[in-house]
Amino acid sequence: MATLTYVYSDSTAVLGPLALYAEPHCYDLCAEHAERLTAPRGWEVVRLAPEVLDQGPSHDDLLALADAVREAARPDPAPAVEELPSRTVEVGRRGHLRVLRDSGEG
């Protein structure tokens, strides 16, 4: 990915690292289009090569990963099993709601 900016007064197209925020008259390009970019006749293309440093995951990335692993490993609480009186019968269910009927026995 790269950001393309035009300097009309210098007839120059500048292709640099992806911008951190939106600017008018700047265009973000995918890697394929950034590589194939050509400028009109009489214009110059300046390609600013970003420094590629593989720094690995940040401290915040590692903390987020650890939190996600802890959350995934946490056991689900067992659903509460509610004892119904012996004469109450469940006759239907919709989501978390239950339809109960008193069987009249007892």
PDB file of N, CA and C in Angstrom:
ATOM      1  N   MET A   1       0.842  -1.171   0.000  1.00  0.00           N
ATOM      2  CA  MET A   1       0.000   0.000   0.000  1.00  0.00           C
ATOM      3  C   MET A   1       0.890   1.239   0.000  1.00  0.00           C
ATOM      4  N   ALA A   2       0.410   2.271  -0.645  1.00  0.00           N
ATOM      5  CA  ALA A   2       1.144   3.526  -0.725  1.00  0.00           C
ATOM      6  C   ALA A   2       0.159   4.668  -0.925  1.00  0.00           C
ATOM      7  N   THR A   3       0.616   5.867  -0.621  1.00  0.00           N
ATOM      8  CA  THR A   3      -0.199   7.060  -0.842  1.00  0.00           C
ATOM      9  C   THR A   3       0.434   7.894  -1.947  1.00  0.00           C
ATOM     10  N   LEU A   4      -0.391   8.304  -2.891  1.00  0.00           N
ATOM     11  CA  LEU A   4       0.047   9.107  -4.029  1.00  0.00           C
ATOM     12  C   LEU A   4      -0.383  10.552  -3.808  1.00  0.00           C
ATOM     13  N   THR A   5       0.561  11.468  -3.971  1.00  0.00           N
ATOM     14  CA  THR A   5       0.298  12.900  -3.855  1.00  0.00           C
ATOM     15  C   THR A   5       0.885  13.594  -5.077  1.00  0.00           C
ATOM     16  N   TYR A   6       0.185  14.581  -5.587  1.00  0.00           N
ATOM     17  CA  TYR A   6       0.661  15.340  -6.736  1.00  0.00           C
ATOM     18  C   TYR A   6       1.179  16.704  -6.283  1.00  0.00           C
ATOM     19  N   VAL A   7       2.314  17.125  -6.836  1.00  0.00           N
ATOM     20  CA  VAL A   7       2.826  18.485  -6.655  1.00  0.00           C
ATOM     21  C   VAL A   7       2.745  19.123  -8.025  1.00  0.00           C
ATOM     22  N   TYR A   8       1.625  19.781  -8.274  1.00  0.00           N
ATOM     23  CA  TYR A   8       1.363  20.323  -9.612  1.00  0.00           C
ATOM     24  C   TYR A   8       2.394  21.365 -10.025  1.00  0.00           C
ATOM     25  N   SER A   9       2.817  22.207  -9.070  1.00  0.00           N
ATOM     26  CA  SER A   9       3.762  23.271  -9.431  1.00  0.00           C
ATOM     27  C   SER A   9       5.100  22.718  -9.915  1.00  0.00           C
ATOM     28  N   ASP A  10       5.474  21.512  -9.475  1.00  0.00           N
ATOM     29  CA  ASP A  10       6.739  20.885  -9.884  1.00  0.00           C
ATOM     30  C   ASP A  10       6.534  19.768 -10.906  1.00  0.00           C
ATOM     31  N   SER A  11       5.290  19.542 -11.317  1.00  0.00           N
ATOM     32  CA  SER A  11       4.969  18.430 -12.226  1.00  0.00           C
ATOM     33  C   SER A  11       5.557  17.126 -11.694  1.00  0.00           C
ATOM     34  N   THR A  12       5.251  16.861 -10.429  1.00  0.00           N
ATOM     35  CA  THR A  12       5.810  15.694  -9.764  1.00  0.00           C
ATOM     36  C   THR A  12       4.702  14.893  -9.081  1.00  0.00           C
ATOM     37  N   ALA A  13       4.771  13.582  -9.206  1.00  0.00           N
ATOM     38  CA  ALA A  13       3.899  12.676  -8.476  1.00  0.00           C
ATOM     39  C   ALA A  13       4.758  12.010  -7.406  1.00  0.00           C
ATOM     40  N   VAL A  14       4.333  12.104  -6.163  1.00  0.00           N
ATOM     41  CA  VAL A  14       5.102  11.535  -5.053  1.00  0.00           C
ATOM     42  C   VAL A  14       4.355  10.317  -4.535  1.00  0.00           C
ATOM     43  N   LEU A  15       5.039   9.193  -4.526  1.00  0.00           N
ATOM     44  CA  LEU A  15       4.480   7.944  -4.040  1.00  0.00           C
ATOM     45  C   LEU A  15       5.243   7.555  -2.789  1.00  0.00           C
ATOM     46  N   GLY A  16       4.559   7.552  -1.655  1.00  0.00           N
ATOM     47  CA  GLY A  16       5.233   7.275  -0.393  1.00  0.00           C
ATOM     48  C   GLY A  16       4.462   6.307   0.475  1.00  0.00           C
ATOM     49  N   PRO A  17       4.894   6.170   1.712  1.00  0.00           N
ATOM     50  CA  PRO A  17       4.220   5.255   2.640  1.00  0.00           C
ATOM     51  C   PRO A  17       2.759   5.646   2.812  1.00  0.00           C
ATOM     52  N   LEU A  18       1.964   4.694   3.194  1.00  0.00           N
ATOM     53  CA  LEU A  18       0.543   4.913   3.402  1.00  0.00           C
ATOM     54  C   LEU A  18       0.339   6.021   4.430  1.00  0.00           C
ATOM     55  N   ALA A  19      -0.485   7.007   4.080  1.00  0.00           N
ATOM     56  CA  ALA A  19      -0.740   8.144   4.968  1.00  0.00           C
ATOM     57  C   ALA A  19      -1.492   7.683   6.214  1.00  0.00           C
ATOM     58  N   LEU A  20      -1.220   8.349   7.326  1.00  0.00           N
ATOM     59  CA  LEU A  20      -1.868   8.000   8.591  1.00  0.00           C
ATOM     60  C   LEU A  20      -3.247   8.633   8.723  1.00  0.00           C
ATOM     61  N   TYR A  21      -3.515   9.687   7.947  1.00  0.00           N
ATOM     62  CA  TYR A  21      -4.828  10.329   7.982  1.00  0.00           C
ATOM     63  C   TYR A  21      -5.162  10.852   6.583  1.00  0.00           C
ATOM     64  N   ALA A  22      -6.437  11.086   6.349  1.00  0.00           N
ATOM     65  CA  ALA A  22      -6.896  11.498   5.026  1.00  0.00           C
ATOM     66  C   ALA A  22      -6.501  12.935   4.734  1.00  0.00           C
ATOM     67  N   GLU A  23      -6.040  13.161   3.523  1.00  0.00           N
ATOM     68  CA  GLU A  23      -5.679  14.490   3.033  1.00  0.00           C
ATOM     69  C   GLU A  23      -6.382  14.699   1.702  1.00  0.00           C
ATOM     70  N   PRO A  24      -6.834  15.926   1.441  1.00  0.00           N
ATOM     71  CA  PRO A  24      -7.411  16.156   0.114  1.00  0.00           C
ATOM     72  C   PRO A  24      -6.336  15.988  -0.963  1.00  0.00           C
ATOM     73  N   HIS A  25      -6.702  15.455  -2.076  1.00  0.00           N
ATOM     74  CA  HIS A  25      -5.816  15.265  -3.231  1.00  0.00           C
ATOM     75  C   HIS A  25      -4.717  14.232  -2.974  1.00  0.00           C
ATOM     76  N   CYS A  26      -4.926  13.346  -2.016  1.00  0.00           N
ATOM     77  CA  CYS A  26      -4.031  12.202  -1.787  1.00  0.00           C
ATOM     78  C   CYS A  26      -4.834  10.949  -2.087  1.00  0.00           C
ATOM     79  N   TYR A  27      -4.179   9.981  -2.661  1.00  0.00           N
ATOM     80  CA  TYR A  27      -4.875   8.765  -3.063  1.00  0.00           C
ATOM     81  C   TYR A  27      -4.104   7.552  -2.572  1.00  0.00           C
ATOM     82  N   ASP A  28      -4.797   6.653  -1.886  1.00  0.00           N
ATOM     83  CA  ASP A  28      -4.177   5.417  -1.420  1.00  0.00           C
ATOM     84  C   ASP A  28      -4.250   4.382  -2.534  1.00  0.00           C
ATOM     85  N   LEU A  29      -3.134   3.724  -2.786  1.00  0.00           N
ATOM     86  CA  LEU A  29      -3.046   2.716  -3.841  1.00  0.00           C
ATOM     87  C   LEU A  29      -2.658   1.370  -3.252  1.00  0.00           C
ATOM     88  N   CYS A  30      -3.168   0.310  -3.841  1.00  0.00           N
ATOM     89  CA  CYS A  30      -2.733  -1.030  -3.436  1.00  0.00           C
ATOM     90  C   CYS A  30      -1.305  -1.231  -3.952  1.00  0.00           C
ATOM     91  N   ALA A  31      -0.651  -2.268  -3.492  1.00  0.00           N
ATOM     92  CA  ALA A  31       0.748  -2.519  -3.846  1.00  0.00           C
ATOM     93  C   ALA A  31       0.925  -2.696  -5.358  1.00  0.00           C
ATOM     94  N   GLU A  32       0.005  -3.400  -5.995  1.00  0.00           N
ATOM     95  CA  GLU A  32       0.118  -3.645  -7.435  1.00  0.00           C
ATOM     96  C   GLU A  32       0.046  -2.341  -8.230  1.00  0.00           C
ATOM     97  N   HIS A  33      -0.918  -1.477  -7.904  1.00  0.00           N
ATOM     98  CA  HIS A  33      -1.051  -0.219  -8.640  1.00  0.00           C
ATOM     99  C   HIS A  33       0.075   0.757  -8.297  1.00  0.00           C
ATOM    100  N   ALA A  34       0.559   0.729  -7.074  1.00  0.00           N
ATOM    101  CA  ALA A  34       1.679   1.596  -6.704  1.00  0.00           C
ATOM    102  C   ALA A  34       2.927   1.214  -7.495  1.00  0.00           C
ATOM    103  N   GLU A  35       3.121  -0.074  -7.702  1.00  0.00           N
ATOM    104  CA  GLU A  35       4.296  -0.549  -8.437  1.00  0.00           C
ATOM    105  C   GLU A  35       4.213  -0.191  -9.917  1.00  0.00           C
ATOM    106  N   ARG A  36       3.011  -0.217 -10.482  1.00  0.00           N
ATOM    107  CA  ARG A  36       2.843   0.028 -11.921  1.00  0.00           C
ATOM    108  C   ARG A  36       2.604   1.494 -12.269  1.00  0.00           C
ATOM    109  N   LEU A  37       2.591   2.382 -11.277  1.00  0.00           N
ATOM    110  CA  LEU A  37       2.258   3.784 -11.504  1.00  0.00           C
ATOM    111  C   LEU A  37       3.204   4.453 -12.500  1.00  0.00           C
ATOM    112  N   THR A  38       2.637   5.160 -13.450  1.00  0.00           N
ATOM    113  CA  THR A  38       3.412   6.004 -14.363  1.00  0.00           C
ATOM    114  C   THR A  38       2.800   7.401 -14.323  1.00  0.00           C
ATOM    115  N   ALA A  39       3.582   8.401 -14.666  1.00  0.00           N
ATOM    116  CA  ALA A  39       3.111   9.787 -14.662  1.00  0.00           C
ATOM    117  C   ALA A  39       2.981  10.279 -16.101  1.00  0.00           C
ATOM    118  N   PRO A  40       2.222  11.340 -16.295  1.00  0.00           N
ATOM    119  CA  PRO A  40       2.099  11.903 -17.646  1.00  0.00           C
ATOM    120  C   PRO A  40       3.451  12.387 -18.172  1.00  0.00           C
ATOM    121  N   ARG A  41       3.543  12.511 -19.489  1.00  0.00           N
ATOM    122  CA  ARG A  41       4.766  12.987 -20.133  1.00  0.00           C
ATOM    123  C   ARG A  41       5.146  14.353 -19.546  1.00  0.00           C
ATOM    124  N   GLY A  42       6.426  14.500 -19.188  1.00  0.00           N
ATOM    125  CA  GLY A  42       6.910  15.748 -18.617  1.00  0.00           C
ATOM    126  C   GLY A  42       6.849  15.783 -17.094  1.00  0.00           C
ATOM    127  N   TRP A  43       6.238  14.782 -16.507  1.00  0.00           N
ATOM    128  CA  TRP A  43       6.152  14.692 -15.051  1.00  0.00           C
ATOM    129  C   TRP A  43       7.207  13.721 -14.540  1.00  0.00           C
ATOM    130  N   GLU A  44       7.566  13.892 -13.286  1.00  0.00           N
ATOM    131  CA  GLU A  44       8.526  12.998 -12.631  1.00  0.00           C
ATOM    132  C   GLU A  44       7.800  12.251 -11.511  1.00  0.00           C
ATOM    133  N   VAL A  45       8.156  10.989 -11.339  1.00  0.00           N
ATOM    134  CA  VAL A  45       7.610  10.198 -10.234  1.00  0.00           C
ATOM    135  C   VAL A  45       8.706  10.037  -9.190  1.00  0.00           C
ATOM    136  N   VAL A  46       8.434  10.475  -7.985  1.00  0.00           N
ATOM    137  CA  VAL A  46       9.361  10.304  -6.866  1.00  0.00           C
ATOM    138  C   VAL A  46       8.786   9.203  -5.985  1.00  0.00           C
ATOM    139  N   ARG A  47       9.543   8.140  -5.821  1.00  0.00           N
ATOM    140  CA  ARG A  47       9.110   7.016  -4.985  1.00  0.00           C
ATOM    141  C   ARG A  47       9.899   7.045  -3.678  1.00  0.00           C
ATOM    142  N   LEU A  48       9.188   7.286  -2.603  1.00  0.00           N
ATOM    143  CA  LEU A  48       9.809   7.293  -1.277  1.00  0.00           C
ATOM    144  C   LEU A  48       9.688   5.890  -0.705  1.00  0.00           C
ATOM    145  N   ALA A  49      10.796   5.199  -0.604  1.00  0.00           N
ATOM    146  CA  ALA A  49      10.780   3.826  -0.103  1.00  0.00           C
ATOM    147  C   ALA A  49      10.662   3.848   1.418  1.00  0.00           C
ATOM    148  N   PRO A  50       9.626   3.221   1.954  1.00  0.00           N
ATOM    149  CA  PRO A  50       9.519   3.162   3.412  1.00  0.00           C
ATOM    150  C   PRO A  50      10.579   2.236   3.979  1.00  0.00           C
ATOM    151  N   GLU A  51      11.028   2.551   5.172  1.00  0.00           N
ATOM    152  CA  GLU A  51      11.979   1.662   5.841  1.00  0.00           C
ATOM    153  C   GLU A  51      11.212   0.447   6.320  1.00  0.00           C
ATOM    154  N   VAL A  52      11.664  -0.700   5.907  1.00  0.00           N
ATOM    155  CA  VAL A  52      11.000  -1.931   6.290  1.00  0.00           C
ATOM    156  C   VAL A  52      11.751  -2.538   7.467  1.00  0.00           C
ATOM    157  N   LEU A  53      11.169  -2.396   8.623  1.00  0.00           N
ATOM    158  CA  LEU A  53      11.760  -2.968   9.830  1.00  0.00           C
ATOM    159  C   LEU A  53      10.733  -3.891  10.454  1.00  0.00           C
ATOM    160  N   ASP A  54      11.054  -5.155  10.532  1.00  0.00           N
ATOM    161  CA  ASP A  54      10.149  -6.087  11.170  1.00  0.00           C
ATOM    162  C   ASP A  54      10.408  -6.038  12.664  1.00  0.00           C
ATOM    163  N   GLN A  55       9.557  -5.305  13.359  1.00  0.00           N
ATOM    164  CA  GLN A  55       9.739  -5.132  14.794  1.00  0.00           C
ATOM    165  C   GLN A  55       8.997  -6.182  15.597  1.00  0.00           C
ATOM    166  N   GLY A  56       8.214  -7.012  14.928  1.00  0.00           N
ATOM    167  CA  GLY A  56       7.460  -8.025  15.643  1.00  0.00           C
ATOM    168  C   GLY A  56       6.279  -7.401  16.367  1.00  0.00           C
ATOM    169  N   PRO A  57       5.590  -8.190  17.151  1.00  0.00           N
ATOM    170  CA  PRO A  57       4.419  -7.673  17.857  1.00  0.00           C
ATOM    171  C   PRO A  57       4.819  -6.693  18.954  1.00  0.00           C
ATOM    172  N   SER A  58       3.970  -5.695  19.161  1.00  0.00           N
ATOM    173  CA  SER A  58       4.225  -4.709  20.213  1.00  0.00           C
ATOM    174  C   SER A  58       3.799  -5.281  21.566  1.00  0.00           C
ATOM    175  N   HIS A  59       4.132  -4.563  22.609  1.00  0.00           N
ATOM    176  CA  HIS A  59       3.743  -4.968  23.973  1.00  0.00           C
ATOM    177  C   HIS A  59       2.218  -5.036  24.073  1.00  0.00           C
ATOM    178  N   ASP A  60       1.524  -4.051  23.475  1.00  0.00           N
ATOM    179  CA  ASP A  60       0.062  -4.046  23.498  1.00  0.00           C
ATOM    180  C   ASP A  60      -0.513  -5.240  22.741  1.00  0.00           C
ATOM    181  N   ASP A  61       0.109  -5.610  21.630  1.00  0.00           N
ATOM    182  CA  ASP A  61      -0.347  -6.778  20.875  1.00  0.00           C
ATOM    183  C   ASP A  61      -0.252  -8.041  21.720  1.00  0.00           C
ATOM    184  N   LEU A  62       0.856  -8.186  22.432  1.00  0.00           N
ATOM    185  CA  LEU A  62       1.044  -9.376  23.264  1.00  0.00           C
ATOM    186  C   LEU A  62       0.052  -9.412  24.420  1.00  0.00           C
ATOM    187  N   LEU A  63      -0.230  -8.260  25.024  1.00  0.00           N
ATOM    188  CA  LEU A  63      -1.213  -8.217  26.113  1.00  0.00           C
ATOM    189  C   LEU A  63      -2.603  -8.566  25.598  1.00  0.00           C
ATOM    190  N   ALA A  64      -2.964  -8.050  24.424  1.00  0.00           N
ATOM    191  CA  ALA A  64      -4.272  -8.358  23.850  1.00  0.00           C
ATOM    192  C   ALA A  64      -4.388  -9.846  23.545  1.00  0.00           C
ATOM    193  N   LEU A  65      -3.330 -10.438  23.039  1.00  0.00           N
ATOM    194  CA  LEU A  65      -3.332 -11.868  22.750  1.00  0.00           C
ATOM    195  C   LEU A  65      -3.477 -12.684  24.035  1.00  0.00           C
ATOM    196  N   ALA A  66      -2.737 -12.305  25.078  1.00  0.00           N
ATOM    197  CA  ALA A  66      -2.831 -13.009  26.360  1.00  0.00           C
ATOM    198  C   ALA A  66      -4.238 -12.903  26.934  1.00  0.00           C
ATOM    199  N   ASP A  67      -4.854 -11.728  26.841  1.00  0.00           N
ATOM    200  CA  ASP A  67      -6.220 -11.555  27.340  1.00  0.00           C
ATOM    201  C   ASP A  67      -7.200 -12.429  26.560  1.00  0.00           C
ATOM    202  N   ALA A  68      -7.021 -12.512  25.251  1.00  0.00           N
ATOM    203  CA  ALA A  68      -7.904 -13.334  24.425  1.00  0.00           C
ATOM    204  C   ALA A  68      -7.764 -14.812  24.768  1.00  0.00           C
ATOM    205  N   VAL A  69      -6.537 -15.253  25.017  1.00  0.00           N
ATOM    206  CA  VAL A  69      -6.311 -16.658  25.384  1.00  0.00           C
ATOM    207  C   VAL A  69      -6.945 -16.958  26.735  1.00  0.00           C
ATOM    208  N   ARG A  70      -6.776 -16.036  27.693  1.00  0.00           N
ATOM    209  CA  ARG A  70      -7.396 -16.239  29.017  1.00  0.00           C
ATOM    210  C   ARG A  70      -8.912 -16.299  28.899  1.00  0.00           C
ATOM    211  N   GLU A  71      -9.481 -15.425  28.093  1.00  0.00           N
ATOM    212  CA  GLU A  71     -10.938 -15.403  27.926  1.00  0.00           C
ATOM    213  C   GLU A  71     -11.430 -16.696  27.284  1.00  0.00           C
ATOM    214  N   ALA A  72     -10.704 -17.180  26.283  1.00  0.00           N
ATOM    215  CA  ALA A  72     -11.100 -18.416  25.607  1.00  0.00           C
ATOM    216  C   ALA A  72     -10.963 -19.628  26.520  1.00  0.00           C
ATOM    217  N   ALA A  73     -10.016 -19.589  27.449  1.00  0.00           N
ATOM    218  CA  ALA A  73      -9.786 -20.730  28.339  1.00  0.00           C
ATOM    219  C   ALA A  73     -10.743 -20.744  29.526  1.00  0.00           C
ATOM    220  N   ARG A  74     -11.408 -19.617  29.769  1.00  0.00           N
ATOM    221  CA  ARG A  74     -12.322 -19.541  30.906  1.00  0.00           C
ATOM    222  C   ARG A  74     -13.501 -20.467  30.642  1.00  0.00           C
ATOM    223  N   PRO A  75     -13.804 -21.362  31.590  1.00  0.00           N
ATOM    224  CA  PRO A  75     -14.917 -22.294  31.370  1.00  0.00           C
ATOM    225  C   PRO A  75     -16.250 -21.549  31.377  1.00  0.00           C
ATOM    226  N   ASP A  76     -17.161 -22.026  30.534  1.00  0.00           N
ATOM    227  CA  ASP A  76     -18.500 -21.439  30.521  1.00  0.00           C
ATOM    228  C   ASP A  76     -19.204 -21.834  31.809  1.00  0.00           C
ATOM    229  N   PRO A  77     -19.888 -20.885  32.439  1.00  0.00           N
ATOM    230  CA  PRO A  77     -20.628 -21.261  33.642  1.00  0.00           C
ATOM    231  C   PRO A  77     -21.739 -22.232  33.270  1.00  0.00           C
ATOM    232  N   ALA A  78     -21.931 -23.220  34.112  1.00  0.00           N
ATOM    233  CA  ALA A  78     -22.974 -24.215  33.854  1.00  0.00           C
ATOM    234  C   ALA A  78     -24.331 -23.525  33.916  1.00  0.00           C
ATOM    235  N   PRO A  79     -25.210 -23.809  32.967  1.00  0.00           N
ATOM    236  CA  PRO A  79     -26.528 -23.179  33.013  1.00  0.00           C
ATOM    237  C   PRO A  79     -27.274 -23.641  34.253  1.00  0.00           C
ATOM    238  N   ALA A  80     -27.955 -22.703  34.848  1.00  0.00           N
ATOM    239  CA  ALA A  80     -28.700 -23.015  36.067  1.00  0.00           C
ATOM    240  C   ALA A  80     -29.874 -23.923  35.707  1.00  0.00           C
ATOM    241  N   VAL A  81     -29.950 -25.034  36.376  1.00  0.00           N
ATOM    242  CA  VAL A  81     -31.063 -25.952  36.175  1.00  0.00           C
ATOM    243  C   VAL A  81     -32.080 -25.640  37.254  1.00  0.00           C
ATOM    244  N   GLU A  82     -33.228 -25.209  36.802  1.00  0.00           N
ATOM    245  CA  GLU A  82     -34.259 -24.815  37.744  1.00  0.00           C
ATOM    246  C   GLU A  82     -35.211 -25.977  37.968  1.00  0.00           C
ATOM    247  N   GLU A  83     -35.405 -26.300  39.217  1.00  0.00           N
ATOM    248  CA  GLU A  83     -36.340 -27.362  39.560  1.00  0.00           C
ATOM    249  C   GLU A  83     -37.755 -26.817  39.488  1.00  0.00           C
ATOM    250  N   LEU A  84     -38.592 -27.494  38.727  1.00  0.00           N
ATOM    251  CA  LEU A  84     -39.991 -27.093  38.633  1.00  0.00           C
ATOM    252  C   LEU A  84     -40.795 -27.892  39.649  1.00  0.00           C
ATOM    253  N   PRO A  85     -41.833 -27.272  40.202  1.00  0.00           N
ATOM    254  CA  PRO A  85     -42.697 -28.069  41.073  1.00  0.00           C
ATOM    255  C   PRO A  85     -43.205 -29.279  40.291  1.00  0.00           C
ATOM    256  N   SER A  86     -43.444 -30.359  40.982  1.00  0.00           N
ATOM    257  CA  SER A  86     -43.772 -31.622  40.316  1.00  0.00           C
ATOM    258  C   SER A  86     -45.005 -31.532  39.445  1.00  0.00           C
ATOM    259  N   ARG A  87     -45.912 -30.630  39.696  1.00  0.00           N
ATOM    260  CA  ARG A  87     -47.123 -30.540  38.881  1.00  0.00           C
ATOM    261  C   ARG A  87     -47.005 -29.515  37.742  1.00  0.00           C
ATOM    262  N   THR A  88     -45.840 -28.835  37.624  1.00  0.00           N
ATOM    263  CA  THR A  88     -45.631 -27.866  36.547  1.00  0.00           C
ATOM    264  C   THR A  88     -44.912 -28.553  35.395  1.00  0.00           C
ATOM    265  N   VAL A  89     -45.440 -28.350  34.177  1.00  0.00           N
ATOM    266  CA  VAL A  89     -44.893 -29.010  32.999  1.00  0.00           C
ATOM    267  C   VAL A  89     -44.488 -27.925  31.983  1.00  0.00           C
ATOM    268  N   GLU A  90     -43.293 -28.071  31.431  1.00  0.00           N
ATOM    269  CA  GLU A  90     -42.869 -27.167  30.367  1.00  0.00           C
ATOM    270  C   GLU A  90     -43.457 -27.658  29.063  1.00  0.00           C
ATOM    271  N   VAL A  91     -44.229 -26.786  28.385  1.00  0.00           N
ATOM    272  CA  VAL A  91     -44.892 -27.208  27.154  1.00  0.00           C
ATOM    273  C   VAL A  91     -44.330 -26.514  25.916  1.00  0.00           C
ATOM    274  N   GLY A  92     -43.466 -25.549  26.109  1.00  0.00           N
ATOM    275  CA  GLY A  92     -42.883 -24.872  24.956  1.00  0.00           C
ATOM    276  C   GLY A  92     -41.736 -23.974  25.378  1.00  0.00           C
ATOM    277  N   ARG A  93     -40.971 -23.556  24.364  1.00  0.00           N
ATOM    278  CA  ARG A  93     -39.812 -22.704  24.643  1.00  0.00           C
ATOM    279  C   ARG A  93     -39.570 -21.813  23.429  1.00  0.00           C
ATOM    280  N   ARG A  94     -39.256 -20.554  23.670  1.00  0.00           N
ATOM    281  CA  ARG A  94     -38.872 -19.626  22.607  1.00  0.00           C
ATOM    282  C   ARG A  94     -37.726 -18.786  23.160  1.00  0.00           C
ATOM    283  N   GLY A  95     -36.512 -19.081  22.654  1.00  0.00           N
ATOM    284  CA  GLY A  95     -35.337 -18.376  23.167  1.00  0.00           C
ATOM    285  C   GLY A  95     -35.133 -18.722  24.635  1.00  0.00           C
ATOM    286  N   HIS A  96     -35.037 -17.719  25.472  1.00  0.00           N
ATOM    287  CA  HIS A  96     -34.838 -17.965  26.898  1.00  0.00           C
ATOM    288  C   HIS A  96     -36.161 -18.034  27.653  1.00  0.00           C
ATOM    289  N   LEU A  97     -37.288 -17.868  26.959  1.00  0.00           N
ATOM    290  CA  LEU A  97     -38.609 -17.904  27.593  1.00  0.00           C
ATOM    291  C   LEU A  97     -39.183 -19.311  27.521  1.00  0.00           C
ATOM    292  N   ARG A  98     -39.880 -19.693  28.584  1.00  0.00           N
ATOM    293  CA  ARG A  98     -40.505 -21.011  28.621  1.00  0.00           C
ATOM    294  C   ARG A  98     -41.999 -20.869  28.858  1.00  0.00           C
ATOM    295  N   VAL A  99     -42.761 -21.771  28.268  1.00  0.00           N
ATOM    296  CA  VAL A  99     -44.206 -21.816  28.500  1.00  0.00           C
ATOM    297  C   VAL A  99     -44.442 -22.961  29.480  1.00  0.00           C
ATOM    298  N   LEU A 100     -44.993 -22.618  30.639  1.00  0.00           N
ATOM    299  CA  LEU A 100     -45.247 -23.613  31.686  1.00  0.00           C
ATOM    300  C   LEU A 100     -46.744 -23.788  31.859  1.00  0.00           C
ATOM    301  N   ARG A 101     -47.126 -25.008  32.153  1.00  0.00           N
ATOM    302  CA  ARG A 101     -48.539 -25.292  32.401  1.00  0.00           C
ATOM    303  C   ARG A 101     -48.635 -26.118  33.679  1.00  0.00           C
ATOM    304  N   ASP A 102     -49.595 -25.746  34.481  1.00  0.00           N
ATOM    305  CA  ASP A 102     -49.857 -26.507  35.700  1.00  0.00           C
ATOM    306  C   ASP A 102     -50.660 -27.725  35.284  1.00  0.00           C
ATOM    307  N   SER A 103     -50.109 -28.898  35.554  1.00  0.00           N
ATOM    308  CA  SER A 103     -50.774 -30.125  35.117  1.00  0.00           C
ATOM    309  C   SER A 103     -52.010 -30.444  35.939  1.00  0.00           C
ATOM    310  N   GLY A 104     -52.201 -29.750  37.029  1.00  0.00           N
ATOM    311  CA  GLY A 104     -53.384 -29.962  37.840  1.00  0.00           C
ATOM    312  C   GLY A 104     -53.279 -31.154  38.757  1.00  0.00           C
ATOM    313  N   GLU A 105     -52.201 -31.881  38.668  1.00  0.00           N
ATOM    314  CA  GLU A 105     -52.014 -33.044  39.534  1.00  0.00           C
ATOM    315  C   GLU A 105     -51.382 -32.585  40.838  1.00  0.00           C
ATOM    316  N   GLY A 106     -51.585 -33.319  41.864  1.00  0.00           N
ATOM    317  CA  GLY A 106     -50.851 -33.061  43.059  1.00  0.00           C
ATOM    318  C   GLY A 106     -51.701 -32.781  44.171  1.00  0.00           C
TER     319      GLY A 106
END
